[in-house]
Structures are given as structure tokens and as C-alpha cells.
Amino acid sequence: MKRIIITIVSLLIITMGILLFKNDKKEEKIVVSEVTHSVFYTPWYVALENGYFKDEGLDIEVILTPGADKVAASVLSKDANIGFSGPEATVYVFNNSNERLISFASLTKRDGQFIVGPCELKDKFKMENIKNKTVLAGRSGGMPLLMFKYALKNSDINEKDVNIDTSVEFASLSGAFIAKQGEFVNLFEPTALKIEKENYGCVLTSLGNISGKVPYTTFYAKKEYIENNKDKIKKFNKALNRGIKFVKINDSETIANAIKNQFSDLSIEDLTSVIERYKNADSWYDNTYIEVKDYDRLLDIMLYGKTIDKKVDINLLITNEFN
């Protein structure tokens, strides 16, 4: 009888230990403020859908926060622990307030926009075609506009020869294009594909292949949050790297099936097509390591776009400690 009681007590202790362990994992919550929901961020969604963050004991809550400036503001106000947007927002914050939002993981390595315009230009489009035309290019100061202007530079096109409309908010670009506010528009996927399927225009070229390699989107957090949560950040990067690896070694259809719950309004065929388009554009880094030379190029682009008047010390705004 005594042996039975001891056994029962032991089992209870083990059960309580397991429950406590699970509760500890649930407490490892991280709120991520995401600038937009796009297939452009496929490795991130793979990591979420395949449970890689859960494997690390992290409970990820994603909040959609349109606009990189608003993402940065949500991190500064502590509404979010981590921001996910173009790192230009962290440069603006540092220049304006000396507050340090530090990028600790990179994901996309070039612009994910596609120029959408008249279908008669499909397969024969040249950047010269946008001269003297109106291009809907997003708000002033944002990465999409900066990269578009740099793509013009790389194509030897003077900005003055293009009517660049910056009056339309990012989320309203496709609607403005459908309403014929401009002849061309710069869009991310899957929005560009939807425009095609509704016969309002066609994808003509990838801006990322014209503007070049930069850390286009990164994950960042307040300096003190990183210092106080190093283990969480390390686990976060480990999970994200698994997502990147999955995308690198699998075909587009396999990847589409992995993230289909993130894009339930798209068929598997359409989702596969969009992922293939981003794969062909070489959109993602091989890991979360932040390349200093690429970040320096980002600063050059910001200087060219006249959104900053001098470079910041890169080491103040990035860390590769967790890569």
C-alpha cells in the first residue's frame, strides 16, 4: 500500500512539473508589429506555420501595423516587443530622438515591389517607358519610394522626367491605380497578382533586381529589450533561420502548402506562382545575419533620397550577436 501511495505521489509531482514547464513556455510571449502582410515575407510565415517558434518555447502574437513609422512607434511605446519593417524607420528614430531601435535579424535582401502597368508592355517593358508618366510609389520617406528612386538612378533616369505620386498611402495604392490615378504603380505580392487576375494591369518587372541588394526588412527591438531578453532573441533567430532554410531547400508548391493558412484568399496555384516570382527575384538572405556592407548601401540610398543628411554609426543600430 505504501509503495502504491509513493508511486501515485511521484506521478503527481511529475505531472505538476510538466504543467509548470508548459506554463513557463506560455509565458515566453513576444508581440511582433508587422508592417504589412505579404508573400514577400514567406520565410517568416513558414516559421510561424511550421511551429518553429513554438519549438523554441515562444508564443508569437503578430499585430498588423501599416507603415514603418507606425511599426517603430509601436515598439517605442511598448505596444510591441519587436518591430518588423524597413530598417530606415530605426534610422529616423535615432536621428530624431537618439532612441536606439536595434536590428538583430534580416530577412529580405532587396526590394519586393513589382512595377505594374499596361499589359501591352508585358515582356517588352523598359524603365524608359515610365518617362513622363505618373507612377504611384508610396509615401515619402518609406523604403518603397527610396528604392524606386534608386532604381531610377540605376536606370539613368532623372526623377524630374517621372511624375512620382506620393500622395497615396501604401494600403490604398492598388485602389488608386484601379481608379486610374496613375499609369503605373509599385506593388508587393499578392496585391500585384490580384491586379493581374482582375485585368487592371500586368506585372512588368521586379524593382529589386534593378535597385540592388540591401537589408530591405529587418526585425528590431529597443536596446533595453534586447539586453534584458537575450535568450528570447536567440531563440527567435533560431526559429526564423529554420524558416529561411525551409524556403531555400523546398519548391514553391511545398512552401505554398506550408503557409496557405496565412493567405486563405489565394488558391494554392496563385500562392505558388507568387512565391516562385519572389524566388526568381532572389528576395531572401540565406540567414538572419545582417550584412554591414548592405546596411551601408541602405544609408547611401537614404542619403541619395535626401531623407538623411549624414550617415549614422551602423554599429549603434545593428547587432549580429544572435546570428
Protein backbone atom coordinates (compact mmCIF):
# COMPACT_ATOMS: atom_id res chain seq x y z
CA MET A 1 0.00 0.00 0.00
CA LYS A 2 2.80 2.36 0.96
CA ARG A 3 4.54 1.64 -2.34
CA ILE A 4 1.33 2.47 -4.27
CA ILE A 5 0.95 5.79 -2.43
CA ILE A 6 4.57 6.69 -3.17
CA THR A 7 4.04 5.85 -6.84
CA ILE A 8 0.89 7.99 -7.02
CA VAL A 9 2.61 10.94 -5.32
CA SER A 10 5.58 10.63 -7.68
CA LEU A 11 3.28 10.66 -10.69
CA LEU A 12 1.51 13.74 -9.35
CA ILE A 13 4.83 15.53 -8.87
CA ILE A 14 5.93 14.66 -12.42
CA THR A 15 2.58 15.82 -13.83
CA MET A 16 2.80 19.10 -11.94
CA GLY A 17 6.34 19.57 -13.21
CA ILE A 18 5.23 19.06 -16.80
CA LEU A 19 2.36 21.53 -16.37
CA LEU A 20 4.67 24.10 -14.82
CA PHE A 21 7.13 23.63 -17.69
CA LYS A 22 4.36 24.20 -20.22
CA ASN A 23 3.19 27.29 -18.36
CA ASP A 24 6.74 28.62 -18.41
CA LYS A 25 6.76 28.23 -22.18
CA LYS A 26 3.45 30.10 -22.49
CA GLU A 27 4.96 32.99 -20.58
CA GLU A 28 7.60 33.42 -23.30
CA LYS A 29 5.31 35.72 -25.27
CA ILE A 30 6.59 38.08 -27.93
CA VAL A 31 4.43 40.67 -29.68
CA VAL A 32 5.64 41.45 -33.20
CA SER A 33 4.44 44.53 -35.06
CA GLU A 34 4.37 43.68 -38.78
CA VAL A 35 4.40 46.44 -41.40
CA THR A 36 2.30 44.56 -43.97
CA HIS A 37 1.09 41.05 -44.72
CA SER A 38 2.80 39.91 -47.89
CA VAL A 39 4.12 36.76 -49.52
CA PHE A 40 7.37 38.74 -49.67
CA TYR A 41 7.88 37.61 -46.06
CA THR A 42 7.38 33.91 -46.79
CA PRO A 43 10.20 32.55 -44.53
CA TRP A 44 8.65 34.39 -41.57
CA TYR A 45 5.27 32.76 -42.17
CA VAL A 46 6.89 29.36 -42.65
CA ALA A 47 8.49 29.70 -39.22
CA LEU A 48 5.10 30.61 -37.73
CA GLU A 49 3.06 27.94 -39.51
CA ASN A 50 5.58 25.12 -39.06
CA GLY A 51 5.73 25.76 -35.33
CA TYR A 52 9.41 26.68 -35.24
CA PHE A 53 8.81 29.44 -32.68
CA LYS A 54 6.73 27.09 -30.53
CA ASP A 55 9.60 24.60 -30.68
CA GLU A 56 11.70 27.30 -29.02
CA GLY A 57 9.05 27.91 -26.37
CA LEU A 58 7.99 31.24 -27.88
CA ASP A 59 4.38 32.38 -28.18
CA ILE A 60 4.30 34.87 -31.07
CA GLU A 61 1.48 37.39 -31.40
CA VAL A 62 1.51 39.33 -34.68
CA ILE A 63 -0.18 42.71 -34.98
CA LEU A 64 -0.54 44.32 -38.41
CA THR A 65 0.72 47.92 -38.28
CA PRO A 66 0.75 49.57 -41.73
CA GLY A 67 3.66 51.98 -42.17
CA ALA A 68 7.24 51.52 -40.99
CA ASP A 69 6.98 54.70 -38.94
CA LYS A 70 3.98 53.31 -37.11
CA VAL A 71 5.77 49.99 -36.52
CA ALA A 72 8.68 51.84 -34.93
CA ALA A 73 6.25 53.89 -32.83
CA SER A 74 4.56 50.72 -31.56
CA VAL A 75 7.93 49.38 -30.40
CA LEU A 76 8.87 52.67 -28.76
CA SER A 77 5.54 52.77 -26.91
CA LYS A 78 5.99 49.10 -25.88
CA ASP A 79 2.76 48.06 -27.59
CA ALA A 80 5.04 45.60 -29.38
CA ASN A 81 8.28 43.95 -28.32
CA ILE A 82 9.68 43.57 -31.82
CA GLY A 83 9.20 45.58 -34.99
CA PHE A 84 9.28 44.09 -38.47
CA SER A 85 9.68 46.67 -41.22
CA GLY A 86 12.24 48.51 -43.26
CA PRO A 87 15.18 49.49 -41.01
CA GLU A 88 15.05 53.04 -42.34
CA ALA A 89 12.50 53.66 -39.59
CA THR A 90 15.15 52.93 -36.95
CA VAL A 91 17.49 55.45 -38.57
CA TYR A 92 14.82 58.16 -38.47
CA VAL A 93 14.08 57.41 -34.83
CA PHE A 94 17.75 57.57 -33.90
CA ASN A 95 18.28 60.85 -35.77
CA ASN A 96 15.20 62.46 -34.25
CA SER A 97 15.38 61.22 -30.67
CA ASN A 98 18.65 59.32 -30.18
CA GLU A 99 16.48 56.33 -29.19
CA ARG A 100 18.07 53.07 -30.30
CA LEU A 101 15.94 50.50 -32.08
CA ILE A 102 18.44 47.79 -32.93
CA SER A 103 18.03 45.40 -35.87
CA PHE A 104 19.01 41.87 -34.85
CA ALA A 105 17.77 39.81 -37.80
CA SER A 106 17.47 40.46 -41.51
CA LEU A 107 15.04 38.70 -43.83
CA THR A 108 14.60 40.27 -47.28
CA LYS A 109 17.65 41.41 -49.22
CA ARG A 110 16.12 43.50 -51.95
CA ASP A 111 13.02 45.46 -52.83
CA GLY A 112 9.96 43.22 -53.08
CA GLN A 113 7.95 45.57 -55.28
CA PHE A 114 6.96 44.95 -58.86
CA ILE A 115 6.13 47.66 -61.35
CA VAL A 116 2.58 47.11 -62.56
CA GLY A 117 1.26 48.84 -65.65
CA PRO A 118 -0.34 48.40 -69.09
CA CYS A 119 -0.36 44.78 -70.25
CA GLU A 120 0.71 45.78 -73.75
CA LEU A 121 4.16 46.43 -72.24
CA LYS A 122 4.47 42.94 -70.76
CA ASP A 123 7.63 41.14 -71.95
CA LYS A 124 8.96 44.31 -73.59
CA PHE A 125 8.94 46.78 -70.70
CA LYS A 126 11.90 49.13 -70.24
CA MET A 127 12.32 51.67 -67.46
CA GLU A 128 12.23 54.38 -70.14
CA ASN A 129 8.52 53.55 -70.55
CA ILE A 130 7.69 55.40 -67.33
CA LYS A 131 9.13 58.72 -68.51
CA ASN A 132 6.52 61.48 -68.48
CA LYS A 133 4.08 59.08 -66.79
CA THR A 134 2.53 59.07 -63.32
CA VAL A 135 3.82 56.35 -61.01
CA LEU A 136 2.11 55.63 -57.68
CA ALA A 137 5.12 54.99 -55.47
CA GLY A 138 4.05 55.16 -51.82
CA ARG A 139 4.60 57.73 -49.12
CA SER A 140 7.65 59.98 -48.78
CA GLY A 141 10.49 58.63 -46.65
CA GLY A 142 9.49 54.98 -46.86
CA MET A 143 11.68 52.23 -48.24
CA PRO A 144 9.43 51.54 -51.26
CA LEU A 145 9.81 55.11 -52.51
CA LEU A 146 13.53 55.29 -51.69
CA MET A 147 14.22 52.09 -53.59
CA PHE A 148 12.13 53.20 -56.55
CA LYS A 149 14.10 56.43 -56.81
CA TYR A 150 17.34 54.48 -56.58
CA ALA A 151 16.12 52.15 -59.33
CA LEU A 152 15.58 55.25 -61.48
CA LYS A 153 19.16 56.30 -60.75
CA ASN A 154 20.48 52.85 -61.68
CA SER A 155 18.50 53.09 -64.92
CA ASP A 156 19.91 56.55 -65.74
CA ILE A 157 16.50 58.15 -65.48
CA ASN A 158 16.16 61.60 -63.99
CA GLU A 159 13.46 61.82 -61.31
CA LYS A 160 12.23 65.02 -62.92
CA ASP A 161 11.26 63.02 -66.00
CA VAL A 162 8.76 60.96 -63.98
CA ASN A 163 5.66 62.18 -62.15
CA ILE A 164 6.15 60.36 -58.83
CA ASP A 165 2.87 60.46 -56.89
CA THR A 166 3.49 60.11 -53.14
CA SER A 167 0.01 61.18 -52.05
CA VAL A 168 -1.40 57.66 -51.68
CA GLU A 169 -0.95 55.58 -48.54
CA PHE A 170 0.64 52.15 -49.01
CA ALA A 171 -2.57 50.21 -48.33
CA SER A 172 -4.50 52.26 -50.92
CA LEU A 173 -2.09 52.03 -53.85
CA SER A 174 -3.91 49.30 -55.77
CA GLY A 175 -7.26 51.09 -55.40
CA ALA A 176 -5.77 54.34 -56.67
CA PHE A 177 -4.28 52.51 -59.64
CA ILE A 178 -7.61 50.87 -60.47
CA ALA A 179 -9.17 54.34 -60.28
CA LYS A 180 -6.57 55.42 -62.89
CA GLN A 181 -4.80 57.91 -60.65
CA GLY A 182 -1.56 56.75 -62.28
CA GLU A 183 -0.41 54.81 -65.33
CA PHE A 184 1.98 52.69 -63.24
CA VAL A 185 2.06 51.52 -59.64
CA ASN A 186 4.65 49.77 -57.45
CA LEU A 187 3.07 46.83 -55.62
CA PHE A 188 4.05 43.88 -53.45
CA GLU A 189 2.59 40.42 -53.83
CA PRO A 190 -0.07 39.12 -53.61
CA THR A 191 -1.61 42.51 -54.50
CA ALA A 192 0.17 42.64 -57.86
CA LEU A 193 -1.21 39.24 -58.82
CA LYS A 194 -4.75 40.30 -57.87
CA ILE A 195 -4.45 43.30 -60.17
CA GLU A 196 -3.39 40.95 -62.96
CA LYS A 197 -6.21 38.48 -62.37
CA GLU A 198 -8.76 41.30 -62.37
CA ASN A 199 -7.32 42.55 -65.69
CA TYR A 200 -6.42 46.02 -64.44
CA GLY A 201 -2.75 45.69 -65.36
CA CYS A 202 0.26 43.36 -65.55
CA VAL A 203 3.48 42.84 -63.63
CA LEU A 204 6.21 44.30 -65.82
CA THR A 205 9.43 43.97 -63.83
CA SER A 206 10.96 43.43 -60.39
CA LEU A 207 12.23 46.62 -58.78
CA GLY A 208 14.50 44.58 -56.52
CA ASN A 209 16.57 43.39 -59.44
CA ILE A 210 17.10 46.98 -60.55
CA SER A 211 17.72 48.72 -57.23
CA GLY A 212 20.11 46.11 -55.79
CA LYS A 213 20.88 44.38 -52.50
CA VAL A 214 20.00 45.93 -49.12
CA PRO A 215 18.52 44.70 -45.81
CA TYR A 216 15.07 45.71 -47.00
CA THR A 217 13.19 44.39 -43.97
CA THR A 218 14.60 43.52 -40.56
CA PHE A 219 13.41 42.59 -37.10
CA TYR A 220 14.35 45.12 -34.43
CA ALA A 221 13.70 45.98 -30.79
CA LYS A 222 14.55 48.57 -28.20
CA LYS A 223 18.11 48.34 -26.91
CA GLU A 224 16.98 47.57 -23.36
CA TYR A 225 14.55 44.87 -24.51
CA ILE A 226 17.35 43.06 -26.32
CA GLU A 227 19.69 43.38 -23.36
CA ASN A 228 17.06 42.00 -20.98
CA ASN A 229 15.83 39.21 -23.28
CA LYS A 230 18.91 37.81 -24.98
CA ASP A 231 17.72 34.23 -24.68
CA LYS A 232 14.40 35.10 -26.33
CA ILE A 233 16.11 36.91 -29.18
CA LYS A 234 18.46 33.99 -29.74
CA LYS A 235 15.53 31.57 -29.87
CA PHE A 236 13.65 33.94 -32.17
CA ASN A 237 16.54 34.00 -34.64
CA LYS A 238 16.95 30.24 -34.47
CA ALA A 239 13.29 29.73 -35.41
CA LEU A 240 13.46 32.32 -38.18
CA ASN A 241 16.59 30.72 -39.64
CA ARG A 242 14.72 27.41 -39.84
CA GLY A 243 12.02 29.19 -41.84
CA ILE A 244 14.60 30.63 -44.20
CA LYS A 245 16.26 27.25 -44.69
CA PHE A 246 12.89 25.61 -45.43
CA VAL A 247 12.24 28.15 -48.18
CA LYS A 248 15.70 27.73 -49.65
CA ILE A 249 15.55 23.93 -49.96
CA ASN A 250 11.91 23.38 -50.95
CA ASP A 251 9.99 24.04 -54.15
CA SER A 252 7.36 26.78 -54.34
CA GLU A 253 4.35 24.46 -54.15
CA THR A 254 5.65 22.80 -50.96
CA ILE A 255 6.21 26.24 -49.46
CA ALA A 256 2.75 27.39 -50.55
CA ASN A 257 1.14 24.49 -48.75
CA ALA A 258 3.11 25.36 -45.62
CA ILE A 259 1.81 28.95 -45.47
CA LYS A 260 -1.63 28.57 -47.09
CA ASN A 261 -3.38 29.45 -43.80
CA GLN A 262 -1.69 32.86 -43.90
CA PHE A 263 -3.18 33.58 -47.33
CA SER A 264 -6.54 31.83 -47.32
CA ASP A 265 -7.89 34.16 -50.01
CA LEU A 266 -5.35 32.80 -52.52
CA SER A 267 -5.55 29.46 -54.27
CA ILE A 268 -2.56 27.14 -53.92
CA GLU A 269 -1.83 27.74 -57.59
CA ASP A 270 -1.75 31.52 -57.19
CA LEU A 271 0.24 31.35 -53.98
CA THR A 272 2.74 29.03 -55.64
CA SER A 273 3.10 31.46 -58.54
CA VAL A 274 3.76 34.41 -56.25
CA ILE A 275 6.33 32.50 -54.19
CA GLU A 276 8.05 31.42 -57.39
CA ARG A 277 8.14 35.05 -58.51
CA TYR A 278 9.90 36.04 -55.28
CA LYS A 279 12.24 33.06 -55.50
CA ASN A 280 13.25 34.10 -59.01
CA ALA A 281 13.87 37.63 -57.76
CA ASP A 282 16.31 36.23 -55.13
CA SER A 283 14.40 38.02 -52.39
CA TRP A 284 15.72 36.43 -49.17
CA TYR A 285 19.01 36.27 -47.33
CA ASP A 286 20.46 32.82 -46.61
CA ASN A 287 20.22 33.52 -42.85
CA THR A 288 19.39 36.32 -40.43
CA TYR A 289 22.93 37.74 -40.35
CA ILE A 290 22.90 41.49 -41.10
CA GLU A 291 25.50 42.34 -43.74
CA VAL A 292 27.23 45.60 -42.80
CA LYS A 293 28.07 46.45 -46.43
CA ASP A 294 24.40 46.04 -47.38
CA TYR A 295 23.29 48.24 -44.49
CA ASP A 296 25.84 50.83 -45.54
CA ARG A 297 24.34 50.76 -49.03
CA LEU A 298 20.93 51.38 -47.48
CA LEU A 299 22.34 54.51 -45.86
CA ASP A 300 23.75 55.60 -49.23
CA ILE A 301 20.27 55.21 -50.71
CA MET A 302 18.77 57.27 -47.88
CA LEU A 303 21.38 59.95 -48.49
CA TYR A 304 20.57 59.90 -52.19
CA GLY A 305 16.87 60.18 -51.37
CA LYS A 306 17.67 63.13 -49.08
CA THR A 307 15.85 61.60 -46.13
CA ILE A 308 19.04 61.89 -44.04
CA ASP A 309 21.91 64.36 -44.34
CA LYS A 310 24.67 62.15 -42.91
CA LYS A 311 25.32 58.50 -42.13
CA VAL A 312 24.78 57.09 -38.67
CA ASP A 313 27.20 54.72 -36.97
CA ILE A 314 25.92 51.36 -38.20
CA ASN A 315 27.16 49.56 -35.08
CA LEU A 316 24.71 51.57 -32.99
CA LEU A 317 21.70 50.21 -34.89
CA ILE A 318 22.52 46.57 -35.66
CA THR A 319 23.75 43.51 -33.79
CA ASN A 320 24.81 40.09 -35.03
CA GLU A 321 25.27 38.74 -31.53
CA PHE A 322 22.40 36.29 -32.02
CA ASN A 323 23.32 35.05 -35.50
